[in-house]
Protein backbone atom coordinates (compact mmCIF):
# COMPACT_ATOMS: atom_id res chain seq x y z
CA MET A 1 36.44 111.78 148.39
CA LYS A 2 36.67 115.53 146.50
CA ILE A 3 39.48 115.98 149.53
CA ASN A 4 41.32 113.05 149.08
CA TYR A 5 41.33 113.83 144.95
CA LEU A 6 43.22 117.24 145.61
CA ILE A 7 45.52 115.95 147.80
CA ILE A 8 46.73 113.34 145.20
CA LEU A 9 46.87 116.17 143.10
CA VAL A 10 48.83 118.11 145.34
CA LEU A 11 51.32 115.25 145.86
CA PHE A 12 51.66 114.28 142.10
CA ALA A 13 52.40 117.89 141.60
CA VAL A 14 54.75 117.95 144.19
CA VAL A 15 56.66 114.71 143.22
CA ALA A 16 57.11 115.88 139.34
CA GLY A 17 58.49 119.13 140.02
CA SER A 18 60.87 117.79 142.59
CA CYS A 19 61.59 115.32 139.47
CA LYS A 20 61.81 118.18 136.96
CA GLN A 21 64.39 120.06 138.77
CA GLU A 22 66.38 117.52 139.99
CA ALA A 23 66.40 116.28 136.08
CA LYS A 24 67.30 120.34 135.18
CA LYS A 25 70.52 120.25 138.05
CA GLN A 26 72.13 117.20 136.79
CA THR A 27 71.95 118.38 133.28
CA GLN A 28 73.50 121.05 134.79
CA GLN A 29 76.41 119.55 136.18
CA THR A 30 77.06 117.63 133.24
CA ASP A 31 76.90 119.87 130.33
CA ILE A 32 80.42 121.67 129.25
CA PRO A 33 79.44 125.41 128.20
CA THR A 34 80.01 125.66 123.99
CA VAL A 35 82.58 128.17 125.01
CA GLN A 36 84.71 125.39 127.31
CA LYS A 37 84.34 123.07 124.88
CA GLN A 38 85.77 124.75 122.44
CA GLU A 39 88.71 125.68 124.32
CA ILE A 40 89.44 122.27 125.15
CA GLU A 41 89.30 121.51 121.57
CA ASN A 42 91.46 124.42 120.22
CA THR A 43 94.16 123.30 123.34
CA THR A 44 94.17 119.48 121.68
CA LEU A 45 94.12 121.00 118.39
CA SER A 46 97.39 123.17 119.25
CA ALA A 47 99.26 120.01 120.92
CA ILE A 48 99.39 118.35 117.33
CA LYS A 49 102.57 119.14 116.03
CA GLU A 50 104.55 117.75 112.96
CA VAL A 51 106.94 116.56 114.38
CA ILE A 52 108.84 114.67 111.35
CA SER A 53 108.94 117.04 107.95
CA LEU A 54 106.99 116.20 104.68
CA LYS A 55 109.51 115.47 102.63
CA TYR A 56 109.56 112.24 101.47
CA ASP A 57 108.46 110.30 98.43
CA GLU A 58 107.11 107.49 100.59
CA VAL A 59 107.06 106.45 104.17
CA TRP A 60 106.29 103.44 105.95
CA ASP A 61 105.09 102.66 109.84
CA PHE A 62 107.72 102.50 112.97
CA SER A 63 108.85 99.33 112.97
CA GLU A 64 111.51 98.27 116.00
CA GLY A 65 112.05 102.14 116.27
CA LEU A 66 112.68 102.87 112.92
CA ALA A 67 110.76 103.73 110.07
CA LEU A 68 111.60 102.77 106.17
CA VAL A 69 111.35 105.91 103.79
CA LYS A 70 112.12 106.82 100.70
CA LEU A 71 113.24 110.05 98.78
CA SER A 72 114.50 110.05 94.70
CA ASP A 73 114.72 106.59 94.39
CA ARG A 74 116.70 105.90 97.21
CA PHE A 75 115.60 104.21 100.76
CA GLY A 76 116.60 104.49 104.20
CA PHE A 77 115.47 104.72 107.62
CA ILE A 78 114.70 108.02 110.13
CA ASN A 79 114.61 107.47 113.78
CA ARG A 80 111.28 108.82 115.75
CA ASN A 81 113.03 112.52 115.71
CA GLY A 82 113.24 112.59 111.80
CA ASN A 83 117.10 111.79 111.92
CA GLU A 84 118.03 109.59 108.91
CA VAL A 85 120.07 107.23 111.26
CA ILE A 86 120.23 104.63 108.14
CA PRO A 87 121.63 106.58 105.16
CA LEU A 88 119.12 106.95 101.78
CA LYS A 89 121.34 105.07 99.68
CA TYR A 90 119.79 101.85 98.67
CA ASP A 91 117.63 100.60 95.27
CA LEU A 92 115.36 98.98 97.47
CA ALA A 93 114.40 97.80 101.38
CA TYR A 94 112.16 96.70 103.56
CA SER A 95 111.12 97.24 106.91
CA PHE A 96 112.62 95.83 110.24
CA SER A 97 111.76 92.39 111.27
CA GLU A 98 113.42 90.37 114.31
CA GLY A 99 116.30 93.18 114.17
CA ARG A 100 117.26 92.87 110.54
CA ALA A 101 115.73 94.28 107.52
CA LYS A 102 116.51 93.38 104.08
CA VAL A 103 118.09 95.88 101.72
CA GLU A 104 119.34 95.58 98.00
CA LEU A 105 121.59 97.42 96.04
CA ASP A 106 122.82 96.57 92.41
CA GLY A 107 120.44 93.49 92.38
CA LYS A 108 122.15 91.89 95.61
CA TRP A 109 120.58 91.57 98.42
CA GLY A 110 121.66 91.19 101.88
CA PHE A 111 120.64 92.23 105.84
CA ILE A 112 121.62 95.33 107.96
CA ASP A 113 121.05 95.91 111.68
CA THR A 114 119.31 98.84 113.60
CA ALA A 115 122.57 100.29 113.69
CA GLY A 116 122.79 99.95 109.59
CA ASP A 117 125.56 97.67 110.18
CA GLU A 118 125.65 95.83 106.85
CA VAL A 119 125.54 92.41 108.83
CA ILE A 120 124.99 89.63 106.21
CA PRO A 121 126.58 90.60 102.34
CA LEU A 122 124.67 91.64 99.79
CA LYS A 123 124.80 88.94 98.07
CA TYR A 124 121.85 87.13 97.57
CA ASP A 125 119.33 87.24 94.78
CA ALA A 126 116.20 87.73 96.85
CA THR A 127 115.52 87.02 100.17
CA LEU A 128 112.36 86.91 102.79
CA ASP A 129 112.29 88.34 106.17
CA PHE A 130 113.31 86.47 109.37
CA SER A 131 110.49 84.77 110.82
CA GLU A 132 111.16 82.74 113.71
CA GLY A 133 114.74 83.54 113.88
CA LEU A 134 115.45 82.38 110.32
CA ALA A 135 115.55 83.73 106.82
CA ALA A 136 114.66 82.19 103.18
CA VAL A 137 117.79 83.52 100.86
CA LYS A 138 118.27 82.61 97.24
CA LEU A 139 121.41 81.99 95.03
CA ASN A 140 121.95 80.60 91.82
CA ASP A 141 118.14 79.61 91.75
CA LYS A 142 118.53 77.75 95.16
CA MET A 143 116.54 78.41 98.06
CA GLY A 144 117.84 77.97 102.15
CA PHE A 145 117.75 79.61 105.41
CA ILE A 146 120.28 81.76 107.37
CA ASP A 147 120.39 82.66 110.93
CA PRO A 148 120.45 86.19 112.42
CA THR A 149 124.59 86.13 111.60
CA GLY A 150 124.13 84.91 108.29
CA LYS A 151 124.98 81.10 108.41
CA GLU A 152 123.51 78.80 106.11
CA VAL A 153 121.98 76.71 108.37
CA ILE A 154 119.79 74.99 106.07
CA PRO A 155 121.06 74.58 102.98
CA LEU A 156 120.23 76.05 99.81
CA LYS A 157 118.87 73.00 97.57
CA TYR A 158 115.15 74.11 97.45
CA ASP A 159 113.39 75.19 93.76
CA PHE A 160 111.22 77.46 96.43
CA ALA A 161 111.12 78.39 99.81
CA TYR A 162 108.35 80.09 102.04
CA SER A 163 109.29 81.86 105.62
CA LEU A 164 108.92 79.73 108.52
CA ASN A 165 105.37 80.02 110.33
CA GLU A 166 104.38 78.09 113.41
CA GLY A 167 107.78 76.30 113.08
CA LEU A 168 107.76 74.74 109.66
CA ALA A 169 108.29 76.14 106.39
CA SER A 170 106.91 75.08 102.64
CA VAL A 171 109.48 74.51 100.46
CA GLN A 172 109.42 72.79 96.97
CA LEU A 173 111.81 70.44 95.51
CA ASN A 174 111.56 68.40 92.13
CA GLY A 175 108.21 70.05 91.31
CA LYS A 176 106.75 68.97 94.47
CA TYR A 177 106.08 70.78 98.03
CA GLY A 178 106.37 69.44 101.48
CA PHE A 179 107.27 70.64 105.05
CA ILE A 180 110.44 70.92 106.69
CA ASN A 181 111.03 72.45 110.61
CA LYS A 182 113.94 74.95 111.68
CA ASN A 183 116.50 72.43 111.71
CA GLY A 184 116.28 71.37 108.02
CA LYS A 185 114.19 68.14 109.17
CA GLU A 186 111.72 67.33 106.36
CA VAL A 187 108.38 66.54 108.43
CA ILE A 188 105.56 66.16 105.86
CA PRO A 189 106.23 64.29 102.54
CA PHE A 190 106.96 65.94 99.03
CA LYS A 191 104.14 65.05 97.46
CA TYR A 192 101.83 68.32 96.85
CA ASP A 193 101.40 70.63 93.62
CA ASN A 194 101.13 73.59 96.07
CA ALA A 195 101.36 74.31 99.74
CA ASN A 196 101.18 77.25 101.51
CA TYR A 197 102.41 78.12 105.37
CA PHE A 198 101.07 76.65 108.48
CA THR A 199 98.24 79.39 110.05
CA GLU A 200 96.48 78.44 113.44
CA GLY A 201 97.82 74.94 113.05
CA LEU A 202 96.73 73.93 109.54
CA ALA A 203 98.36 74.94 106.36
CA LYS A 204 96.11 74.66 103.03
CA VAL A 205 97.73 72.76 100.03
CA GLU A 206 97.09 71.26 96.68
CA LEU A 207 97.10 68.06 94.80
CA ASN A 208 95.65 66.79 91.20
CA GLY A 209 93.87 70.58 90.95
CA LYS A 210 92.09 70.55 93.94
CA TRP A 211 92.80 72.23 97.26
């Protein structure tokens, strides 16, 4: 029994020693020396550089290849190289959506394309971004919709209008809200006191103080 007991102890010591050596070997293989880690971090930091000078009062995220910037109360657009491809001349502007950006000058709104051309004249009192191919615009206190060429495809007859979403737009007429499609057809009756845009197939509406 003593001999068997000694054999078991010896085997246990051998196995334990082997496991310890293997664990140490794996640790050595996966460990990155501190000096080497520092070199990697320094290389990563050295690769970071400011590609566009910090000179603007405000900047917005890039959209459709251009970023809206503001300097001295004027708005324009830069490309990814920092070149001012659309002059900073507007009183107000918004980022591009569906190839058009709404801009304002001397109190009137219109749209430019990514080349900076004013493809829709600055003649409106207010505009919303293009959404699903159309943009809501306001003139003389009435709202309707235009296409990317500036054609008024839905007459400016509504008191208020939201952008198209999921094929429908909430609009107000004579104090009541309903919904029209992109062809201007009134598909949901004007009976609500308030109504928002559709999202995931549903739209929240209000009637008699209840939503």
